[in-house]
Amino acid sequence: MFKTIVFDLDGTICHHKASYPKMFFEIFGEQFNKHSDTWLRHMLHNGEHTGLEAVQSCFPEMSPEEQKNALDTFTYRWSEAQVPFTGIFEAMALLKANFGCQIGVMTNGPSQFQWAVMNKLGLSEHVDFAYASGDPFPAECKPSIPLLRKLQSQRNFEADTALFIGDNLEKDIKPAREAGWSALHVAPHDDKTVPLPLSDFTKAAKQDSLLKVNWSSLTA
């Protein structure tokens, strides 16, 4: 049925065990809310970017070396705070084996920042491809139907054979459905739950409801 399954990263594959504003204050010495609008605008804009642009804009008084060191520190500490949801990689393997499909990741964020997280999780061992919006490709953020078309062309698949799995209705689910993909809106958790057969998983991908899922419950 599915030849390509694309996962969102944050809130779908992994979650964090630290406070972003608290970490921001510890590293930059200023409150996140003072800089949040500028910071997020530079962290999440369309186009190729690493994350250094946000530091440069918010803290121009720092020397170039200080800016780079601050971003490197923040990047490392934030990536170390990420934890995969229980069973997510086993679920990916089960989906790949069952559908004979390619598994990928599409996440918003600067290349350096998001790849630090993906590398910390060892994601490349479990997926066929992964992209951050700040990478040279696709250099574009979700939500975007043209972005999904770029992925189709880059990875050689058709919309009606694709499934997007994400926790954000506006950024992940709605654009995928508008592009002709199947889409599964999920709320992953690590609580004990009953098994989720693949047949029920497939049915859920055709519905509009939110699927609260422990990835380790997915079974053949």
N, C-alpha and C. Protein backbone atom coordinates (compact mmCIF):
# COMPACT_ATOMS: atom_id res chain seq x y z
N MET A 1 0.82 -1.20 0.00
CA MET A 1 0.00 0.00 0.00
C MET A 1 0.86 1.26 0.00
N PHE A 2 1.72 1.40 1.01
CA PHE A 2 2.60 2.57 1.10
C PHE A 2 3.99 2.22 0.58
N LYS A 3 4.48 3.03 -0.33
CA LYS A 3 5.84 2.85 -0.82
C LYS A 3 6.83 3.78 -0.11
N THR A 4 6.28 4.82 0.50
CA THR A 4 7.10 5.77 1.25
C THR A 4 6.35 6.21 2.49
N ILE A 5 7.00 6.14 3.64
CA ILE A 5 6.42 6.65 4.88
C ILE A 5 7.39 7.68 5.45
N VAL A 6 6.90 8.91 5.63
CA VAL A 6 7.72 10.01 6.12
C VAL A 6 7.25 10.40 7.52
N PHE A 7 8.18 10.45 8.45
CA PHE A 7 7.89 10.84 9.82
C PHE A 7 8.36 12.27 10.08
N ASP A 8 7.58 13.00 10.87
CA ASP A 8 8.08 14.19 11.53
C ASP A 8 9.06 13.74 12.61
N LEU A 9 9.87 14.66 13.13
CA LEU A 9 10.85 14.30 14.16
C LEU A 9 10.37 14.63 15.57
N ASP A 10 10.34 15.91 15.89
CA ASP A 10 10.03 16.36 17.25
C ASP A 10 8.56 16.12 17.59
N GLY A 11 8.33 15.37 18.65
CA GLY A 11 6.97 15.07 19.08
C GLY A 11 6.37 13.87 18.39
N THR A 12 7.08 13.31 17.42
CA THR A 12 6.61 12.13 16.70
C THR A 12 7.57 10.96 16.90
N ILE A 13 8.86 11.21 16.67
CA ILE A 13 9.91 10.21 16.88
C ILE A 13 10.52 10.37 18.28
N CYS A 14 10.69 11.63 18.70
CA CYS A 14 11.36 11.88 19.98
C CYS A 14 10.68 13.00 20.74
N HIS A 15 11.02 13.09 22.00
CA HIS A 15 10.55 14.19 22.85
C HIS A 15 11.72 14.65 23.69
N HIS A 16 11.58 15.82 24.32
CA HIS A 16 12.70 16.36 25.07
C HIS A 16 12.47 16.25 26.57
N LYS A 17 13.56 16.17 27.31
CA LYS A 17 13.50 16.04 28.76
C LYS A 17 14.15 17.25 29.42
N ALA A 18 14.08 18.40 28.75
CA ALA A 18 14.66 19.64 29.29
C ALA A 18 13.83 20.82 28.84
N SER A 19 13.96 21.93 29.54
CA SER A 19 13.25 23.15 29.21
C SER A 19 14.08 23.99 28.24
N TYR A 20 13.52 24.27 27.08
CA TYR A 20 14.21 25.09 26.08
C TYR A 20 14.52 26.49 26.63
N PRO A 21 13.53 27.20 27.22
CA PRO A 21 13.84 28.53 27.78
C PRO A 21 14.90 28.50 28.88
N LYS A 22 14.85 27.48 29.73
CA LYS A 22 15.83 27.38 30.81
C LYS A 22 17.23 27.17 30.25
N MET A 23 17.34 26.30 29.26
CA MET A 23 18.64 26.05 28.64
C MET A 23 19.15 27.30 27.92
N PHE A 24 18.24 28.01 27.27
CA PHE A 24 18.59 29.24 26.58
C PHE A 24 19.20 30.24 27.57
N PHE A 25 18.56 30.39 28.72
CA PHE A 25 19.05 31.31 29.74
C PHE A 25 20.42 30.89 30.27
N GLU A 26 20.59 29.59 30.49
CA GLU A 26 21.85 29.09 31.02
C GLU A 26 23.02 29.35 30.06
N ILE A 27 22.73 29.33 28.77
CA ILE A 27 23.80 29.48 27.77
C ILE A 27 24.02 30.93 27.36
N PHE A 28 22.91 31.66 27.17
CA PHE A 28 23.03 33.03 26.66
C PHE A 28 22.91 34.09 27.75
N GLY A 29 22.45 33.70 28.94
CA GLY A 29 22.37 34.65 30.05
C GLY A 29 21.22 35.63 29.94
N GLU A 30 20.26 35.37 29.04
CA GLU A 30 19.10 36.23 28.89
C GLU A 30 17.85 35.37 28.71
N GLN A 31 16.71 35.96 29.05
CA GLN A 31 15.45 35.22 28.96
C GLN A 31 15.08 34.95 27.51
N PHE A 32 14.60 33.75 27.27
CA PHE A 32 14.22 33.36 25.91
C PHE A 32 13.11 34.26 25.37
N ASN A 33 12.11 34.61 26.22
CA ASN A 33 10.97 35.37 25.71
C ASN A 33 11.38 36.76 25.21
N LYS A 34 12.52 37.25 25.67
CA LYS A 34 13.02 38.54 25.19
C LYS A 34 13.45 38.46 23.74
N HIS A 35 13.88 37.29 23.31
CA HIS A 35 14.43 37.11 21.96
C HIS A 35 13.60 36.15 21.10
N SER A 36 12.51 35.62 21.66
CA SER A 36 11.82 34.49 21.00
C SER A 36 11.38 34.80 19.57
N ASP A 37 10.81 35.98 19.34
CA ASP A 37 10.32 36.29 17.99
C ASP A 37 11.46 36.29 16.98
N THR A 38 12.54 36.98 17.32
CA THR A 38 13.70 37.05 16.41
C THR A 38 14.36 35.68 16.27
N TRP A 39 14.52 35.01 17.39
CA TRP A 39 15.17 33.69 17.40
C TRP A 39 14.42 32.71 16.51
N LEU A 40 13.12 32.60 16.72
CA LEU A 40 12.33 31.62 15.96
C LEU A 40 12.23 32.00 14.49
N ARG A 41 12.21 33.28 14.21
CA ARG A 41 12.15 33.70 12.81
C ARG A 41 13.39 33.24 12.05
N HIS A 42 14.54 33.29 12.71
CA HIS A 42 15.78 32.87 12.06
C HIS A 42 15.99 31.36 12.13
N MET A 43 15.42 30.71 13.14
CA MET A 43 15.57 29.26 13.26
C MET A 43 14.65 28.51 12.31
N LEU A 44 13.55 29.17 11.90
CA LEU A 44 12.53 28.45 11.14
C LEU A 44 12.19 29.12 9.81
N HIS A 45 13.11 29.90 9.27
CA HIS A 45 12.79 30.52 7.98
C HIS A 45 13.06 29.56 6.84
N ASN A 46 12.47 29.86 5.69
CA ASN A 46 12.73 29.07 4.49
C ASN A 46 14.13 29.40 3.97
N GLY A 47 14.78 28.40 3.45
CA GLY A 47 16.11 28.60 2.90
C GLY A 47 17.15 27.84 3.70
N GLU A 48 18.31 27.68 3.12
CA GLU A 48 19.41 26.96 3.76
C GLU A 48 19.94 27.78 4.94
N HIS A 49 20.06 27.17 6.10
CA HIS A 49 20.60 27.86 7.27
C HIS A 49 21.03 26.84 8.32
N THR A 50 21.95 27.25 9.18
CA THR A 50 22.53 26.33 10.16
C THR A 50 22.01 26.55 11.57
N GLY A 51 21.52 27.76 11.86
CA GLY A 51 21.14 28.13 13.22
C GLY A 51 22.01 29.27 13.74
N LEU A 52 23.18 29.42 13.14
CA LEU A 52 24.08 30.50 13.55
C LEU A 52 23.44 31.86 13.28
N GLU A 53 22.58 31.92 12.27
CA GLU A 53 21.92 33.17 11.92
C GLU A 53 21.09 33.72 13.09
N ALA A 54 20.48 32.81 13.86
CA ALA A 54 19.66 33.23 15.00
C ALA A 54 20.52 33.84 16.09
N VAL A 55 21.67 33.22 16.36
CA VAL A 55 22.58 33.73 17.38
C VAL A 55 23.13 35.09 16.96
N GLN A 56 23.51 35.21 15.71
CA GLN A 56 24.06 36.47 15.21
C GLN A 56 23.05 37.60 15.32
N SER A 57 21.78 37.29 15.04
CA SER A 57 20.74 38.32 15.08
C SER A 57 20.40 38.74 16.51
N CYS A 58 20.33 37.76 17.41
CA CYS A 58 19.93 38.04 18.79
C CYS A 58 21.08 38.59 19.64
N PHE A 59 22.31 38.18 19.30
CA PHE A 59 23.46 38.57 20.13
C PHE A 59 24.59 39.12 19.27
N PRO A 60 24.34 40.26 18.61
CA PRO A 60 25.35 40.83 17.71
C PRO A 60 26.60 41.33 18.44
N GLU A 61 26.47 41.53 19.76
CA GLU A 61 27.61 42.02 20.53
C GLU A 61 28.66 40.94 20.74
N MET A 62 28.29 39.68 20.56
CA MET A 62 29.25 38.59 20.70
C MET A 62 30.23 38.59 19.53
N SER A 63 31.43 38.14 19.78
CA SER A 63 32.38 37.97 18.68
C SER A 63 31.95 36.76 17.86
N PRO A 64 32.41 36.66 16.61
CA PRO A 64 32.05 35.49 15.80
C PRO A 64 32.39 34.16 16.48
N GLU A 65 33.52 34.13 17.17
CA GLU A 65 33.90 32.89 17.85
C GLU A 65 32.94 32.59 19.00
N GLU A 66 32.56 33.63 19.75
CA GLU A 66 31.62 33.45 20.85
C GLU A 66 30.26 32.99 20.33
N GLN A 67 29.82 33.54 19.23
CA GLN A 67 28.54 33.14 18.63
C GLN A 67 28.56 31.67 18.23
N LYS A 68 29.64 31.26 17.58
CA LYS A 68 29.76 29.87 17.16
C LYS A 68 29.81 28.93 18.37
N ASN A 69 30.59 29.30 19.39
CA ASN A 69 30.70 28.45 20.58
C ASN A 69 29.37 28.35 21.31
N ALA A 70 28.62 29.45 21.36
CA ALA A 70 27.32 29.44 22.03
C ALA A 70 26.35 28.52 21.29
N LEU A 71 26.33 28.62 19.96
CA LEU A 71 25.44 27.75 19.19
C LEU A 71 25.86 26.29 19.35
N ASP A 72 27.16 26.02 19.29
CA ASP A 72 27.64 24.65 19.44
C ASP A 72 27.23 24.08 20.80
N THR A 73 27.34 24.89 21.84
CA THR A 73 26.97 24.44 23.18
C THR A 73 25.48 24.17 23.27
N PHE A 74 24.68 25.11 22.77
CA PHE A 74 23.23 24.95 22.80
C PHE A 74 22.82 23.73 21.99
N THR A 75 23.40 23.58 20.82
CA THR A 75 23.08 22.46 19.94
C THR A 75 23.38 21.14 20.62
N TYR A 76 24.56 21.04 21.21
CA TYR A 76 24.96 19.79 21.87
C TYR A 76 24.03 19.48 23.05
N ARG A 77 23.80 20.47 23.88
CA ARG A 77 22.99 20.22 25.08
C ARG A 77 21.54 19.90 24.72
N TRP A 78 21.00 20.56 23.69
CA TRP A 78 19.63 20.27 23.30
C TRP A 78 19.52 18.87 22.69
N SER A 79 20.48 18.50 21.89
CA SER A 79 20.44 17.16 21.28
C SER A 79 20.54 16.08 22.36
N GLU A 80 21.36 16.33 23.37
CA GLU A 80 21.50 15.36 24.45
C GLU A 80 20.23 15.23 25.29
N ALA A 81 19.36 16.23 25.20
CA ALA A 81 18.12 16.20 25.98
C ALA A 81 16.99 15.46 25.27
N GLN A 82 17.24 14.99 24.05
CA GLN A 82 16.20 14.32 23.27
C GLN A 82 16.16 12.82 23.57
N VAL A 83 14.94 12.31 23.68
CA VAL A 83 14.73 10.89 23.99
C VAL A 83 13.76 10.31 22.97
N PRO A 84 14.09 9.18 22.34
CA PRO A 84 13.13 8.58 21.40
C PRO A 84 11.95 7.98 22.15
N PHE A 85 10.78 8.06 21.54
CA PHE A 85 9.63 7.38 22.12
C PHE A 85 9.89 5.87 22.11
N THR A 86 9.45 5.20 23.14
CA THR A 86 9.65 3.77 23.27
C THR A 86 9.10 3.03 22.04
N GLY A 87 9.94 2.21 21.43
CA GLY A 87 9.50 1.36 20.34
C GLY A 87 9.45 1.99 18.97
N ILE A 88 9.86 3.26 18.84
CA ILE A 88 9.72 3.92 17.54
C ILE A 88 10.56 3.25 16.46
N PHE A 89 11.77 2.84 16.78
CA PHE A 89 12.62 2.26 15.74
C PHE A 89 12.18 0.86 15.37
N GLU A 90 11.66 0.13 16.34
CA GLU A 90 11.10 -1.20 16.03
C GLU A 90 9.85 -1.04 15.16
N ALA A 91 9.07 0.01 15.44
CA ALA A 91 7.87 0.27 14.62
C ALA A 91 8.26 0.60 13.19
N MET A 92 9.31 1.40 13.02
CA MET A 92 9.79 1.72 11.67
C MET A 92 10.20 0.46 10.93
N ALA A 93 10.92 -0.42 11.62
CA ALA A 93 11.38 -1.66 10.99
C ALA A 93 10.20 -2.54 10.60
N LEU A 94 9.18 -2.58 11.44
CA LEU A 94 7.99 -3.38 11.15
C LEU A 94 7.25 -2.83 9.94
N LEU A 95 7.10 -1.52 9.87
CA LEU A 95 6.43 -0.90 8.73
C LEU A 95 7.21 -1.15 7.44
N LYS A 96 8.52 -1.00 7.51
CA LYS A 96 9.37 -1.21 6.33
C LYS A 96 9.27 -2.65 5.83
N ALA A 97 9.29 -3.60 6.76
CA ALA A 97 9.21 -5.01 6.39
C ALA A 97 7.84 -5.37 5.83
N ASN A 98 6.79 -4.80 6.42
CA ASN A 98 5.44 -5.14 6.01
C ASN A 98 5.08 -4.55 4.64
N PHE A 99 5.42 -3.28 4.44
CA PHE A 99 5.03 -2.61 3.20
C PHE A 99 6.12 -2.65 2.13
N GLY A 100 7.33 -3.04 2.50
CA GLY A 100 8.43 -3.00 1.55
C GLY A 100 8.70 -1.59 1.09
N CYS A 101 8.58 -0.64 2.03
CA CYS A 101 8.65 0.78 1.69
C CYS A 101 9.94 1.42 2.16
N GLN A 102 10.18 2.64 1.70
CA GLN A 102 11.27 3.44 2.23
C GLN A 102 10.73 4.29 3.38
N ILE A 103 11.56 4.49 4.38
CA ILE A 103 11.19 5.27 5.56
C ILE A 103 12.04 6.53 5.59
N GLY A 104 11.40 7.68 5.80
CA GLY A 104 12.13 8.93 5.83
C GLY A 104 11.68 9.86 6.94
N VAL A 105 12.42 10.95 7.09
CA VAL A 105 12.11 11.97 8.10
C VAL A 105 12.18 13.33 7.45
N MET A 106 11.20 14.18 7.77
CA MET A 106 11.23 15.57 7.35
C MET A 106 10.92 16.43 8.56
N THR A 107 11.89 17.26 8.97
CA THR A 107 11.73 18.07 10.17
C THR A 107 12.07 19.53 9.89
N ASN A 108 11.36 20.43 10.54
CA ASN A 108 11.67 21.85 10.44
C ASN A 108 12.84 22.20 11.36
N GLY A 109 13.72 23.08 10.88
CA GLY A 109 14.79 23.57 11.73
C GLY A 109 16.11 23.69 11.00
N PRO A 110 17.06 24.42 11.59
CA PRO A 110 18.37 24.60 10.98
C PRO A 110 19.12 23.27 10.85
N SER A 111 19.96 23.18 9.87
CA SER A 111 20.65 21.92 9.61
C SER A 111 21.50 21.48 10.80
N GLN A 112 22.32 22.37 11.35
CA GLN A 112 23.21 21.98 12.45
C GLN A 112 22.41 21.52 13.66
N PHE A 113 21.36 22.25 13.98
CA PHE A 113 20.57 21.96 15.17
C PHE A 113 19.84 20.63 15.04
N GLN A 114 19.13 20.45 13.93
CA GLN A 114 18.32 19.24 13.77
C GLN A 114 19.16 18.00 13.52
N TRP A 115 20.27 18.16 12.81
CA TRP A 115 21.12 16.99 12.58
C TRP A 115 21.85 16.55 13.84
N ALA A 116 22.09 17.48 14.75
CA ALA A 116 22.67 17.08 16.04
C ALA A 116 21.71 16.15 16.77
N VAL A 117 20.41 16.48 16.71
CA VAL A 117 19.40 15.64 17.33
C VAL A 117 19.32 14.29 16.62
N MET A 118 19.24 14.32 15.29
CA MET A 118 19.09 13.07 14.53
C MET A 118 20.31 12.16 14.71
N ASN A 119 21.49 12.77 14.76
CA ASN A 119 22.70 11.96 14.97
C ASN A 119 22.75 11.39 16.37
N LYS A 120 22.31 12.16 17.36
CA LYS A 120 22.29 11.66 18.72
C LYS A 120 21.35 10.46 18.84
N LEU A 121 20.24 10.48 18.12
CA LEU A 121 19.28 9.39 18.14
C LEU A 121 19.74 8.19 17.31
N GLY A 122 20.79 8.37 16.49
CA GLY A 122 21.23 7.31 15.60
C GLY A 122 20.22 7.04 14.51
N LEU A 123 19.57 8.10 14.05
CA LEU A 123 18.45 7.96 13.12
C LEU A 123 18.85 7.32 11.79
N SER A 124 20.04 7.63 11.33
CA SER A 124 20.46 7.12 10.01
C SER A 124 20.52 5.60 9.96
N GLU A 125 20.58 4.96 11.12
CA GLU A 125 20.58 3.49 11.16
C GLU A 125 19.19 2.91 10.92
N HIS A 126 18.17 3.75 10.97
CA HIS A 126 16.80 3.25 10.93
C HIS A 126 15.98 3.78 9.76
N VAL A 127 16.49 4.78 9.05
CA VAL A 127 15.71 5.37 7.96
C VAL A 127 16.52 5.38 6.67
N ASP A 128 15.80 5.53 5.56
CA ASP A 128 16.45 5.57 4.26
C ASP A 128 16.87 6.98 3.86
N PHE A 129 16.19 7.97 4.43
CA PHE A 129 16.56 9.36 4.17
C PHE A 129 16.03 10.25 5.28
N ALA A 130 16.67 11.40 5.45
CA ALA A 130 16.23 12.37 6.44
C ALA A 130 16.64 13.76 5.98
N TYR A 131 15.76 14.73 6.19
CA TYR A 131 16.04 16.10 5.81
C TYR A 131 15.57 17.05 6.90
N ALA A 132 16.37 18.07 7.16
CA ALA A 132 15.94 19.22 7.94
C ALA A 132 15.64 20.35 6.96
N SER A 133 14.70 21.21 7.32
CA SER A 133 14.31 22.26 6.38
C SER A 133 15.46 23.21 6.07
N GLY A 134 16.45 23.32 6.98
CA GLY A 134 17.58 24.19 6.74
C GLY A 134 18.70 23.58 5.91
N ASP A 135 18.55 22.32 5.52
CA ASP A 135 19.54 21.68 4.65
C ASP A 135 19.52 22.32 3.26
N PRO A 136 20.61 22.18 2.48
CA PRO A 136 20.60 22.69 1.11
C PRO A 136 19.39 22.19 0.31
N PHE A 137 19.01 20.94 0.54
CA PHE A 137 17.73 20.41 0.08
C PHE A 137 16.98 19.93 1.32
N PRO A 138 15.76 20.35 1.54
CA PRO A 138 14.88 21.09 0.63
C PRO A 138 14.90 22.60 0.80
N ALA A 139 15.57 23.10 1.88
CA ALA A 139 15.63 24.54 2.13
C ALA A 139 14.24 25.16 2.17
N GLU A 140 13.32 24.46 2.79
CA GLU A 140 11.94 24.93 2.87
C GLU A 140 11.26 24.27 4.06
N CYS A 141 10.43 25.05 4.76
CA CYS A 141 9.76 24.57 5.96
C CYS A 141 8.37 24.03 5.68
N LYS A 142 7.94 23.11 6.52
CA LYS A 142 6.54 22.73 6.59
C LYS A 142 5.77 23.87 7.26
N PRO A 143 4.50 24.09 6.96
CA PRO A 143 3.67 23.34 6.01
C PRO A 143 3.88 23.84 4.59
N SER A 144 3.97 22.93 3.65
CA SER A 144 4.21 23.32 2.27
C SER A 144 3.92 22.15 1.34
N ILE A 145 2.96 22.32 0.47
CA ILE A 145 2.69 21.30 -0.55
C ILE A 145 3.86 21.23 -1.54
N PRO A 146 4.42 22.38 -1.98
CA PRO A 146 5.61 22.29 -2.86
C PRO A 146 6.76 21.52 -2.24
N LEU A 147 6.92 21.62 -0.93
CA LEU A 147 7.96 20.84 -0.24
C LEU A 147 7.71 19.35 -0.42
N LEU A 148 6.46 18.92 -0.26
CA LEU A 148 6.15 17.51 -0.43
C LEU A 148 6.36 17.06 -1.88
N ARG A 149 6.08 17.94 -2.81
CA ARG A 149 6.34 17.62 -4.22
C ARG A 149 7.85 17.46 -4.45
N LYS A 150 8.66 18.31 -3.80
CA LYS A 150 10.11 18.18 -3.91
C LYS A 150 10.56 16.82 -3.40
N LEU A 151 9.99 16.40 -2.26
CA LEU A 151 10.34 15.10 -1.70
C LEU A 151 9.97 13.97 -2.66
N GLN A 152 8.80 14.08 -3.27
CA GLN A 152 8.37 13.06 -4.23
C GLN A 152 9.37 12.92 -5.37
N SER A 153 9.79 14.06 -5.90
CA SER A 153 10.74 14.05 -7.01
C SER A 153 12.11 13.54 -6.57
N GLN A 154 12.57 14.00 -5.41
CA GLN A 154 13.89 13.63 -4.91
C GLN A 154 13.98 12.14 -4.62
N ARG A 155 12.90 11.57 -4.06
CA ARG A 155 12.92 10.17 -3.62
C ARG A 155 12.13 9.25 -4.56
N ASN A 156 11.59 9.80 -5.65
CA ASN A 156 10.98 9.00 -6.71
C ASN A 156 9.78 8.18 -6.23
N PHE A 157 8.75 8.88 -5.75
CA PHE A 157 7.51 8.20 -5.39
C PHE A 157 6.33 9.09 -5.73
N GLU A 158 5.15 8.49 -5.80
CA GLU A 158 3.93 9.22 -6.13
C GLU A 158 3.14 9.53 -4.87
N ALA A 159 2.34 10.58 -4.94
CA ALA A 159 1.58 11.04 -3.77
C ALA A 159 0.66 9.96 -3.22
N ASP A 160 0.02 9.20 -4.11
CA ASP A 160 -0.97 8.22 -3.64
C ASP A 160 -0.33 6.97 -3.04
N THR A 161 1.01 6.92 -3.01
CA THR A 161 1.70 5.80 -2.35
C THR A 161 2.42 6.26 -1.08
N ALA A 162 2.16 7.51 -0.66
CA ALA A 162 2.92 8.09 0.44
C ALA A 162 2.06 8.29 1.69
N LEU A 163 2.70 8.16 2.83
CA LEU A 163 2.07 8.40 4.12
C LEU A 163 2.96 9.33 4.93
N PHE A 164 2.36 10.40 5.48
CA PHE A 164 3.08 11.29 6.38
C PHE A 164 2.55 11.08 7.79
N ILE A 165 3.46 10.88 8.75
CA ILE A 165 3.09 10.66 10.14
C ILE A 165 3.65 11.82 10.96
N GLY A 166 2.77 12.53 11.67
CA GLY A 166 3.23 13.66 12.46
C GLY A 166 2.28 14.01 13.58
N ASP A 167 2.78 14.83 14.49
CA ASP A 167 1.98 15.23 15.65
C ASP A 167 1.34 16.59 15.49
N ASN A 168 1.65 17.31 14.40
CA ASN A 168 1.15 18.66 14.20
C ASN A 168 0.14 18.68 13.06
N LEU A 169 -1.09 18.99 13.41
CA LEU A 169 -2.17 18.96 12.41
C LEU A 169 -1.93 19.96 11.29
N GLU A 170 -1.50 21.17 11.64
CA GLU A 170 -1.36 22.23 10.64
C GLU A 170 -0.10 22.06 9.79
N LYS A 171 1.01 21.66 10.40
CA LYS A 171 2.28 21.59 9.68
C LYS A 171 2.48 20.25 8.97
N ASP A 172 1.96 19.18 9.56
CA ASP A 172 2.23 17.84 9.03
C ASP A 172 1.04 17.24 8.26
N ILE A 173 -0.11 17.27 8.88
CA ILE A 173 -1.24 16.48 8.40
C ILE A 173 -2.01 17.15 7.28
N LYS A 174 -2.44 18.38 7.49
CA LYS A 174 -3.26 19.06 6.47
C LYS A 174 -2.54 19.21 5.14
N PRO A 175 -1.28 19.68 5.10
CA PRO A 175 -0.63 19.80 3.79
C PRO A 175 -0.42 18.46 3.11
N ALA A 176 -0.15 17.40 3.89
CA ALA A 176 0.02 16.08 3.28
C ALA A 176 -1.27 15.64 2.59
N ARG A 177 -2.39 15.80 3.27
CA ARG A 177 -3.67 15.41 2.68
C ARG A 177 -4.01 16.25 1.47
N GLU A 178 -3.71 17.56 1.53
CA GLU A 178 -3.98 18.44 0.39
C GLU A 178 -3.11 18.06 -0.81
N ALA A 179 -1.94 17.47 -0.52
CA ALA A 179 -1.03 17.05 -1.60
C ALA A 179 -1.38 15.67 -2.15
N GLY A 180 -2.41 15.04 -1.58
CA GLY A 180 -2.83 13.73 -2.07
C GLY A 180 -2.17 12.57 -1.36
N TRP A 181 -1.43 12.85 -0.27
CA TRP A 181 -0.84 11.79 0.53
C TRP A 181 -1.86 11.27 1.54
N SER A 182 -1.62 10.09 2.06
CA SER A 182 -2.28 9.66 3.28
C SER A 182 -1.56 10.36 4.43
N ALA A 183 -2.25 10.55 5.55
CA ALA A 183 -1.63 11.23 6.68
C ALA A 183 -2.18 10.67 7.97
N LEU A 184 -1.30 10.49 8.94
CA LEU A 184 -1.69 9.94 10.24
C LEU A 184 -1.29 10.92 11.33
N HIS A 185 -2.28 11.46 12.01
CA HIS A 185 -2.06 12.41 13.10
C HIS A 185 -1.88 11.62 14.39
N VAL A 186 -0.72 11.72 15.01
CA VAL A 186 -0.41 10.89 16.17
C VAL A 186 -0.08 11.73 17.40
N ALA A 187 -0.31 11.12 18.55
CA ALA A 187 0.11 11.67 19.85
C ALA A 187 0.84 10.54 20.56
N PRO A 188 2.14 10.38 20.27
CA PRO A 188 2.90 9.27 20.87
C PRO A 188 3.03 9.42 22.38
N HIS A 189 3.11 8.28 23.05
CA HIS A 189 3.31 8.27 24.50
C HIS A 189 4.04 6.98 24.87
N ASP A 190 4.48 6.90 26.10
CA ASP A 190 5.21 5.73 26.57
C ASP A 190 4.43 4.94 27.62
N ASP A 191 3.14 5.23 27.75
CA ASP A 191 2.31 4.51 28.72
C ASP A 191 1.98 3.11 28.22
N LYS A 192 1.74 2.21 29.15
CA LYS A 192 1.35 0.85 28.79
C LYS A 192 0.01 0.88 28.06
N THR A 193 -0.12 0.08 27.01
CA THR A 193 -1.35 0.07 26.23
C THR A 193 -1.55 -1.28 25.57
N VAL A 194 -2.68 -1.44 24.92
CA VAL A 194 -2.99 -2.71 24.24
C VAL A 194 -2.27 -2.75 22.89
N PRO A 195 -2.05 -3.94 22.33
CA PRO A 195 -1.39 -4.04 21.03
C PRO A 195 -2.17 -3.31 19.94
N LEU A 196 -1.44 -2.76 18.98
CA LEU A 196 -2.04 -2.09 17.83
C LEU A 196 -1.67 -2.86 16.57
N PRO A 197 -2.59 -3.67 16.05
CA PRO A 197 -2.28 -4.43 14.83
C PRO A 197 -2.04 -3.49 13.64
N LEU A 198 -1.22 -3.94 12.71
CA LEU A 198 -0.95 -3.13 11.53
C LEU A 198 -2.22 -2.80 10.75
N SER A 199 -3.18 -3.71 10.76
CA SER A 199 -4.43 -3.45 10.05
C SER A 199 -5.16 -2.24 10.63
N ASP A 200 -5.13 -2.10 11.96
CA ASP A 200 -5.76 -0.94 12.60
C ASP A 200 -4.95 0.32 12.34
N PHE A 201 -3.64 0.17 12.30
CA PHE A 201 -2.76 1.29 11.98
C PHE A 201 -3.08 1.83 10.58
N THR A 202 -3.25 0.93 9.62
CA THR A 202 -3.56 1.32 8.25
C THR A 202 -4.92 2.00 8.16
N LYS A 203 -5.89 1.48 8.89
CA LYS A 203 -7.22 2.10 8.91
C LYS A 203 -7.14 3.51 9.48
N ALA A 204 -6.34 3.69 10.53
CA ALA A 204 -6.21 5.00 11.17
C ALA A 204 -5.63 6.03 10.20
N ALA A 205 -4.76 5.57 9.29
CA ALA A 205 -4.16 6.48 8.31
C ALA A 205 -5.18 6.99 7.30
N LYS A 206 -6.34 6.38 7.24
CA LYS A 206 -7.40 6.80 6.32
C LYS A 206 -8.47 7.64 7.02
N GLN A 207 -8.28 7.87 8.33
CA GLN A 207 -9.25 8.60 9.11
C GLN A 207 -8.69 9.95 9.55
N ASP A 208 -9.58 10.80 10.04
CA ASP A 208 -9.16 12.14 10.46
C ASP A 208 -8.86 12.24 11.95
N SER A 209 -9.12 11.19 12.70
CA SER A 209 -8.98 11.27 14.14
C SER A 209 -7.51 11.19 14.58
N LEU A 210 -7.27 11.65 15.80
CA LEU A 210 -5.95 11.60 16.40
C LEU A 210 -5.70 10.21 16.97
N LEU A 211 -4.55 9.62 16.66
CA LEU A 211 -4.20 8.30 17.17
C LEU A 211 -3.20 8.45 18.31
N LYS A 212 -3.65 8.13 19.51
CA LYS A 212 -2.73 8.10 20.65
C LYS A 212 -2.04 6.75 20.64
N VAL A 213 -0.72 6.77 20.47
CA VAL A 213 -0.02 5.51 20.20
C VAL A 213 1.26 5.37 21.02
N ASN A 214 1.44 4.20 21.57
CA ASN A 214 2.73 3.78 22.09
C ASN A 214 3.36 2.97 20.95
N TRP A 215 4.46 3.47 20.38
CA TRP A 215 5.02 2.83 19.19
C TRP A 215 5.38 1.36 19.44
N SER A 216 5.68 1.01 20.68
CA SER A 216 6.05 -0.39 20.97
C SER A 216 4.85 -1.32 20.91
N SER A 217 3.63 -0.75 20.80
CA SER A 217 2.44 -1.60 20.75
C SER A 217 2.11 -2.06 19.33
N LEU A 218 2.80 -1.52 18.34
CA LEU A 218 2.52 -1.88 16.95
C LEU A 218 2.95 -3.31 16.67
N THR A 219 2.02 -4.13 16.17
CA THR A 219 2.30 -5.55 15.92
C THR A 219 1.83 -5.95 14.52
N ALA A 220 2.43 -7.01 14.02
CA ALA A 220 2.02 -7.55 12.73
C ALA A 220 0.68 -8.24 12.86
